[in-house]
PDB file of all heavy atoms in Angstrom:
ATOM      1  N   ILE A   1     136.416  64.451 104.369  1.00  0.00           N
ATOM      2  CA  ILE A   1     137.457  63.330 103.935  1.00  0.00           C
ATOM      3  C   ILE A   1     136.767  61.955 104.125  1.00  0.00           C
ATOM      4  O   ILE A   1     136.765  61.118 103.277  1.00  0.00           O
ATOM      5  CB  ILE A   1     138.750  63.463 104.560  1.00  0.00           C
ATOM      6  CG1 ILE A   1     139.572  64.707 104.097  1.00  0.00           C
ATOM      7  CG2 ILE A   1     139.630  62.187 104.431  1.00  0.00           C
ATOM      8  CD1 ILE A   1     140.766  65.012 104.857  1.00  0.00           C
ATOM      9  N   LEU A   2     136.207  61.753 105.327  1.00  0.00           N
ATOM     10  CA  LEU A   2     135.708  60.441 105.623  1.00  0.00           C
ATOM     11  C   LEU A   2     134.393  60.173 104.925  1.00  0.00           C
ATOM     12  O   LEU A   2     133.946  59.109 104.612  1.00  0.00           O
ATOM     13  CB  LEU A   2     135.439  60.319 107.128  1.00  0.00           C
ATOM     14  CG  LEU A   2     136.697  60.194 108.018  1.00  0.00           C
ATOM     15  CD1 LEU A   2     136.384  60.277 109.514  1.00  0.00           C
ATOM     16  CD2 LEU A   2     137.517  59.001 107.553  1.00  0.00           C
ATOM     17  N   ALA A   3     133.690  61.236 104.490  1.00  0.00           N
ATOM     18  CA  ALA A   3     132.515  61.192 103.687  1.00  0.00           C
ATOM     19  C   ALA A   3     132.714  61.193 102.247  1.00  0.00           C
ATOM     20  O   ALA A   3     131.773  60.912 101.422  1.00  0.00           O
ATOM     21  CB  ALA A   3     131.489  62.310 103.999  1.00  0.00           C
ATOM     22  N   GLY A   4     134.013  61.271 101.793  1.00  0.00           N
ATOM     23  CA  GLY A   4     134.323  61.268 100.474  1.00  0.00           C
ATOM     24  C   GLY A   4     133.859  62.550  99.642  1.00  0.00           C
ATOM     25  O   GLY A   4     133.672  62.560  98.475  1.00  0.00           O
ATOM     26  N   GLU A   5     133.656  63.626 100.466  1.00  0.00           N
ATOM     27  CA  GLU A   5     133.253  64.926  99.811  1.00  0.00           C
ATOM     28  C   GLU A   5     134.442  65.906  99.650  1.00  0.00           C
ATOM     29  O   GLU A   5     135.396  65.710 100.386  1.00  0.00           O
ATOM     30  CB  GLU A   5     132.217  65.554 100.822  1.00  0.00           C
ATOM     31  CG  GLU A   5     130.961  64.655 100.938  1.00  0.00           C
ATOM     32  CD  GLU A   5     129.998  65.230 101.979  1.00  0.00           C
ATOM     33  OE1 GLU A   5     130.452  66.276 102.707  1.00  0.00           O
ATOM     34  OE2 GLU A   5     128.912  64.688 102.284  1.00  0.00           O
ATOM     35  N   PRO A   6     134.290  66.841  98.804  1.00  0.00           N
ATOM     36  CA  PRO A   6     135.443  67.714  98.610  1.00  0.00           C
ATOM     37  C   PRO A   6     135.631  68.623  99.899  1.00  0.00           C
ATOM     38  O   PRO A   6     134.698  68.920 100.566  1.00  0.00           O
ATOM     39  CB  PRO A   6     134.964  68.588  97.421  1.00  0.00           C
ATOM     40  CG  PRO A   6     133.899  67.847  96.806  1.00  0.00           C
ATOM     41  CD  PRO A   6     133.264  67.000  97.833  1.00  0.00           C
ATOM     42  N   ILE A   7     136.854  69.072 100.154  1.00  0.00           N
ATOM     43  CA  ILE A   7     137.163  69.917 101.195  1.00  0.00           C
ATOM     44  C   ILE A   7     137.565  71.290 100.429  1.00  0.00           C
ATOM     45  O   ILE A   7     138.209  71.320  99.469  1.00  0.00           O
ATOM     46  CB  ILE A   7     138.299  69.600 102.124  1.00  0.00           C
ATOM     47  CG1 ILE A   7     139.610  69.405 101.340  1.00  0.00           C
ATOM     48  CG2 ILE A   7     137.877  68.240 102.827  1.00  0.00           C
ATOM     49  CD1 ILE A   7     140.735  69.059 102.219  1.00  0.00           C
ATOM     50  N   ARG A   8     137.011  72.439 101.020  1.00  0.00           N
ATOM     51  CA  ARG A   8     137.337  73.715 100.421  1.00  0.00           C
ATOM     52  C   ARG A   8     138.712  74.144 100.984  1.00  0.00           C
ATOM     53  O   ARG A   8     138.871  74.275 102.193  1.00  0.00           O
ATOM     54  CB  ARG A   8     136.299  74.716 100.810  1.00  0.00           C
ATOM     55  CG  ARG A   8     134.863  74.496 100.103  1.00  0.00           C
ATOM     56  CD  ARG A   8     133.937  75.697 100.226  1.00  0.00           C
ATOM     57  NE  ARG A   8     133.693  76.079 101.631  1.00  0.00           N
ATOM     58  CZ  ARG A   8     133.172  77.185 101.901  1.00  0.00           C
ATOM     59  NH1 ARG A   8     132.872  78.109 101.084  1.00  0.00           N
ATOM     60  NH2 ARG A   8     132.900  77.356 103.197  1.00  0.00           N
ATOM     61  N   VAL A   9     139.615  74.399  99.958  1.00  0.00           N
ATOM     62  CA  VAL A   9     140.979  74.858 100.431  1.00  0.00           C
ATOM     63  C   VAL A   9     141.246  76.202  99.927  1.00  0.00           C
ATOM     64  O   VAL A   9     141.318  76.448  98.707  1.00  0.00           O
ATOM     65  CB  VAL A   9     141.973  73.795  99.797  1.00  0.00           C
ATOM     66  CG1 VAL A   9     143.359  74.221 100.190  1.00  0.00           C
ATOM     67  CG2 VAL A   9     141.702  72.458 100.271  1.00  0.00           C
ATOM     68  N   PHE A  10     141.288  77.202 100.755  1.00  0.00           N
ATOM     69  CA  PHE A  10     141.308  78.573 100.459  1.00  0.00           C
ATOM     70  C   PHE A  10     142.673  79.027  99.927  1.00  0.00           C
ATOM     71  O   PHE A  10     143.700  78.476 100.241  1.00  0.00           O
ATOM     72  CB  PHE A  10     140.771  79.476 101.551  1.00  0.00           C
ATOM     73  CG  PHE A  10     139.260  79.261 101.808  1.00  0.00           C
ATOM     74  CD1 PHE A  10     138.950  78.641 103.025  1.00  0.00           C
ATOM     75  CD2 PHE A  10     138.309  79.561 100.840  1.00  0.00           C
ATOM     76  CE1 PHE A  10     137.589  78.440 103.228  1.00  0.00           C
ATOM     77  CE2 PHE A  10     137.029  79.336 101.164  1.00  0.00           C
ATOM     78  CZ  PHE A  10     136.588  78.716 102.304  1.00  0.00           C
ATOM     79  N   ASN A  11     142.713  80.104  99.191  1.00  0.00           N
ATOM     80  CA  ASN A  11     143.901  80.604  98.651  1.00  0.00           C
ATOM     81  C   ASN A  11     144.697  79.660  97.856  1.00  0.00           C
ATOM     82  O   ASN A  11     145.907  79.650  97.840  1.00  0.00           O
ATOM     83  CB  ASN A  11     144.868  81.302  99.593  1.00  0.00           C
ATOM     84  CG  ASN A  11     145.817  82.220  99.068  1.00  0.00           C
ATOM     85  OD1 ASN A  11     145.591  82.919  98.037  1.00  0.00           O
ATOM     86  ND2 ASN A  11     146.986  82.335  99.624  1.00  0.00           N
ATOM     87  N   HIS A  12     143.952  78.617  97.289  1.00  0.00           N
ATOM     88  CA  HIS A  12     144.533  77.510  96.493  1.00  0.00           C
ATOM     89  C   HIS A  12     145.615  76.734  97.244  1.00  0.00           C
ATOM     90  O   HIS A  12     146.556  76.184  96.659  1.00  0.00           O
ATOM     91  CB  HIS A  12     145.090  77.998  95.149  1.00  0.00           C
ATOM     92  CG  HIS A  12     144.024  78.906  94.382  1.00  0.00           C
ATOM     93  ND1 HIS A  12     143.082  78.262  93.600  1.00  0.00           N
ATOM     94  CD2 HIS A  12     143.879  80.236  94.189  1.00  0.00           C
ATOM     95  CE1 HIS A  12     142.367  79.181  92.985  1.00  0.00           C
ATOM     96  NE2 HIS A  12     142.824  80.367  93.357  1.00  0.00           N
ATOM     97  N   GLY A  13     145.427  76.649  98.553  1.00  0.00           N
ATOM     98  CA  GLY A  13     146.320  75.964  99.402  1.00  0.00           C
ATOM     99  C   GLY A  13     147.502  76.737  99.845  1.00  0.00           C
ATOM    100  O   GLY A  13     148.306  76.210 100.687  1.00  0.00           O
ATOM    101  N   GLN A  14     147.697  77.911  99.392  1.00  0.00           N
ATOM    102  CA  GLN A  14     148.875  78.685  99.726  1.00  0.00           C
ATOM    103  C   GLN A  14     148.693  79.403 101.002  1.00  0.00           C
ATOM    104  O   GLN A  14     148.643  80.666 100.998  1.00  0.00           O
ATOM    105  CB  GLN A  14     149.303  79.649  98.537  1.00  0.00           C
ATOM    106  CG  GLN A  14     149.511  78.992  97.181  1.00  0.00           C
ATOM    107  CD  GLN A  14     150.563  77.855  97.335  1.00  0.00           C
ATOM    108  OE1 GLN A  14     151.751  78.190  97.806  1.00  0.00           O
ATOM    109  NE2 GLN A  14     150.270  76.675  96.993  1.00  0.00           N
ATOM    110  N   MET A  15     148.496  78.658 102.065  1.00  0.00           N
ATOM    111  CA  MET A  15     148.218  79.261 103.367  1.00  0.00           C
ATOM    112  C   MET A  15     149.237  78.591 104.364  1.00  0.00           C
ATOM    113  O   MET A  15     149.580  77.392 104.185  1.00  0.00           O
ATOM    114  CB  MET A  15     146.787  78.900 103.829  1.00  0.00           C
ATOM    115  CG  MET A  15     145.668  79.397 102.902  1.00  0.00           C
ATOM    116  SD  MET A  15     145.268  81.115 103.036  1.00  0.00           S
ATOM    117  CE  MET A  15     144.212  81.072 104.450  1.00  0.00           C
ATOM    118  N   GLN A  16     149.537  79.253 105.420  1.00  0.00           N
ATOM    119  CA  GLN A  16     150.394  78.769 106.422  1.00  0.00           C
ATOM    120  C   GLN A  16     149.850  79.088 107.731  1.00  0.00           C
ATOM    121  O   GLN A  16     149.498  80.222 107.991  1.00  0.00           O
ATOM    122  CB  GLN A  16     151.861  79.406 106.200  1.00  0.00           C
ATOM    123  CG  GLN A  16     152.882  78.910 107.211  1.00  0.00           C
ATOM    124  CD  GLN A  16     154.297  79.439 106.852  1.00  0.00           C
ATOM    125  OE1 GLN A  16     154.876  78.923 105.958  1.00  0.00           O
ATOM    126  NE2 GLN A  16     154.686  80.546 107.496  1.00  0.00           N
ATOM    127  N   ARG A  17     149.811  78.150 108.669  1.00  0.00           N
ATOM    128  CA  ARG A  17     149.250  78.415 109.943  1.00  0.00           C
ATOM    129  C   ARG A  17     150.197  77.845 111.006  1.00  0.00           C
ATOM    130  O   ARG A  17     150.747  76.739 110.804  1.00  0.00           O
ATOM    131  CB  ARG A  17     147.774  77.801 110.124  1.00  0.00           C
ATOM    132  CG  ARG A  17     146.717  78.496 109.356  1.00  0.00           C
ATOM    133  CD  ARG A  17     146.498  79.907 109.921  1.00  0.00           C
ATOM    134  NE  ARG A  17     145.394  80.584 109.227  1.00  0.00           N
ATOM    135  CZ  ARG A  17     145.537  81.413 108.211  1.00  0.00           C
ATOM    136  NH1 ARG A  17     146.831  81.533 107.783  1.00  0.00           N
ATOM    137  NH2 ARG A  17     144.595  82.015 107.583  1.00  0.00           N
ATOM    138  N   ASP A  18     150.232  78.466 112.187  1.00  0.00           N
ATOM    139  CA  ASP A  18     150.935  77.972 113.341  1.00  0.00           C
ATOM    140  C   ASP A  18     150.014  77.152 114.135  1.00  0.00           C
ATOM    141  O   ASP A  18     149.501  77.592 115.213  1.00  0.00           O
ATOM    142  CB  ASP A  18     151.526  79.167 114.102  1.00  0.00           C
ATOM    143  CG  ASP A  18     152.704  78.768 115.007  1.00  0.00           C
ATOM    144  OD1 ASP A  18     152.902  77.602 115.176  1.00  0.00           O
ATOM    145  OD2 ASP A  18     153.483  79.653 115.399  1.00  0.00           O
ATOM    146  N   PHE A  19     149.749  75.854 113.655  1.00  0.00           N
ATOM    147  CA  PHE A  19     148.782  75.048 114.367  1.00  0.00           C
ATOM    148  C   PHE A  19     149.292  74.767 115.743  1.00  0.00           C
ATOM    149  O   PHE A  19     150.383  74.216 115.895  1.00  0.00           O
ATOM    150  CB  PHE A  19     148.563  73.729 113.582  1.00  0.00           C
ATOM    151  CG  PHE A  19     147.894  73.976 112.293  1.00  0.00           C
ATOM    152  CD1 PHE A  19     148.491  73.991 111.024  1.00  0.00           C
ATOM    153  CD2 PHE A  19     146.477  74.062 112.248  1.00  0.00           C
ATOM    154  CE1 PHE A  19     147.824  74.247 109.866  1.00  0.00           C
ATOM    155  CE2 PHE A  19     145.744  74.257 111.092  1.00  0.00           C
ATOM    156  CZ  PHE A  19     146.461  74.279 109.838  1.00  0.00           C
ATOM    157  N   THR A  20     148.457  74.887 116.834  1.00  0.00           N
ATOM    158  CA  THR A  20     148.917  74.707 118.144  1.00  0.00           C
ATOM    159  C   THR A  20     147.915  73.673 118.816  1.00  0.00           C
ATOM    160  O   THR A  20     146.778  73.925 118.883  1.00  0.00           O
ATOM    161  CB  THR A  20     148.939  76.086 118.939  1.00  0.00           C
ATOM    162  OG1 THR A  20     149.686  76.999 118.138  1.00  0.00           O
ATOM    163  CG2 THR A  20     149.637  75.872 120.259  1.00  0.00           C
ATOM    164  N   TYR A  21     148.564  72.653 119.386  1.00  0.00           N
ATOM    165  CA  TYR A  21     147.677  71.603 119.973  1.00  0.00           C
ATOM    166  C   TYR A  21     146.988  71.972 121.260  1.00  0.00           C
ATOM    167  O   TYR A  21     147.725  72.826 122.069  1.00  0.00           O
ATOM    168  CB  TYR A  21     148.606  70.351 120.194  1.00  0.00           C
ATOM    169  CG  TYR A  21     147.826  69.181 120.614  1.00  0.00           C
ATOM    170  CD1 TYR A  21     146.839  68.602 119.779  1.00  0.00           C
ATOM    171  CD2 TYR A  21     148.157  68.480 121.797  1.00  0.00           C
ATOM    172  CE1 TYR A  21     146.157  67.453 120.102  1.00  0.00           C
ATOM    173  CE2 TYR A  21     147.435  67.346 122.190  1.00  0.00           C
ATOM    174  CZ  TYR A  21     146.499  66.815 121.324  1.00  0.00           C
ATOM    175  OH  TYR A  21     145.847  65.624 121.654  1.00  0.00           O
ATOM    176  N   ILE A  22     145.860  71.578 121.540  1.00  0.00           N
ATOM    177  CA  ILE A  22     145.120  72.016 122.631  1.00  0.00           C
ATOM    178  C   ILE A  22     145.794  71.800 124.012  1.00  0.00           C
ATOM    179  O   ILE A  22     145.694  72.752 124.876  1.00  0.00           O
ATOM    180  CB  ILE A  22     143.645  71.339 122.664  1.00  0.00           C
ATOM    181  CG1 ILE A  22     142.798  71.808 123.837  1.00  0.00           C
ATOM    182  CG2 ILE A  22     143.882  69.817 122.674  1.00  0.00           C
ATOM    183  CD1 ILE A  22     142.503  73.296 123.813  1.00  0.00           C
ATOM    184  N   ASP A  23     146.567  70.765 124.195  1.00  0.00           N
ATOM    185  CA  ASP A  23     147.156  70.535 125.513  1.00  0.00           C
ATOM    186  C   ASP A  23     148.280  71.597 125.741  1.00  0.00           C
ATOM    187  O   ASP A  23     148.452  72.020 126.968  1.00  0.00           O
ATOM    188  CB  ASP A  23     147.854  69.213 125.528  1.00  0.00           C
ATOM    189  CG  ASP A  23     146.825  67.987 125.643  1.00  0.00           C
ATOM    190  OD1 ASP A  23     145.574  68.380 125.693  1.00  0.00           O
ATOM    191  OD2 ASP A  23     147.268  66.837 125.648  1.00  0.00           O
ATOM    192  N   ASP A  24     148.863  72.083 124.710  1.00  0.00           N
ATOM    193  CA  ASP A  24     149.948  73.161 124.876  1.00  0.00           C
ATOM    194  C   ASP A  24     149.230  74.468 125.208  1.00  0.00           C
ATOM    195  O   ASP A  24     149.759  75.229 126.050  1.00  0.00           O
ATOM    196  CB  ASP A  24     150.703  73.367 123.505  1.00  0.00           C
ATOM    197  CG  ASP A  24     151.699  72.228 123.318  1.00  0.00           C
ATOM    198  OD1 ASP A  24     152.157  71.567 124.355  1.00  0.00           O
ATOM    199  OD2 ASP A  24     152.017  71.899 122.141  1.00  0.00           O
ATOM    200  N   ILE A  25     148.117  74.700 124.601  1.00  0.00           N
ATOM    201  CA  ILE A  25     147.315  75.970 124.959  1.00  0.00           C
ATOM    202  C   ILE A  25     146.937  75.899 126.468  1.00  0.00           C
ATOM    203  O   ILE A  25     147.069  76.829 127.081  1.00  0.00           O
ATOM    204  CB  ILE A  25     146.051  76.069 124.004  1.00  0.00           C
ATOM    205  CG1 ILE A  25     146.476  76.337 122.545  1.00  0.00           C
ATOM    206  CG2 ILE A  25     145.098  77.139 124.562  1.00  0.00           C
ATOM    207  CD1 ILE A  25     147.074  77.659 122.279  1.00  0.00           C
ATOM    208  N   VAL A  26     146.364  74.797 126.818  1.00  0.00           N
ATOM    209  CA  VAL A  26     145.931  74.639 128.231  1.00  0.00           C
ATOM    210  C   VAL A  26     147.121  74.820 129.190  1.00  0.00           C
ATOM    211  O   VAL A  26     147.044  75.602 130.165  1.00  0.00           O
ATOM    212  CB  VAL A  26     145.279  73.302 128.440  1.00  0.00           C
ATOM    213  CG1 VAL A  26     145.018  73.044 129.971  1.00  0.00           C
ATOM    214  CG2 VAL A  26     143.972  73.187 127.678  1.00  0.00           C
ATOM    215  N   GLN A  27     148.316  74.267 128.835  1.00  0.00           N
ATOM    216  CA  GLN A  27     149.419  74.406 129.726  1.00  0.00           C
ATOM    217  C   GLN A  27     149.825  75.915 129.828  1.00  0.00           C
ATOM    218  O   GLN A  27     150.127  76.453 130.844  1.00  0.00           O
ATOM    219  CB  GLN A  27     150.567  73.660 129.150  1.00  0.00           C
ATOM    220  CG  GLN A  27     151.853  73.651 129.938  1.00  0.00           C
ATOM    221  CD  GLN A  27     151.754  72.876 131.192  1.00  0.00           C
ATOM    222  OE1 GLN A  27     152.090  73.293 132.290  1.00  0.00           O
ATOM    223  NE2 GLN A  27     151.353  71.554 131.107  1.00  0.00           N
TER     224      GLN A  27
END
């Protein structure tokens, strides 16, 4: 994004993830 280059988005963006922040994992 910062380089102005395309990002590869798999399954045409129809993905769902339970993103978990590192501090919560450590705890």
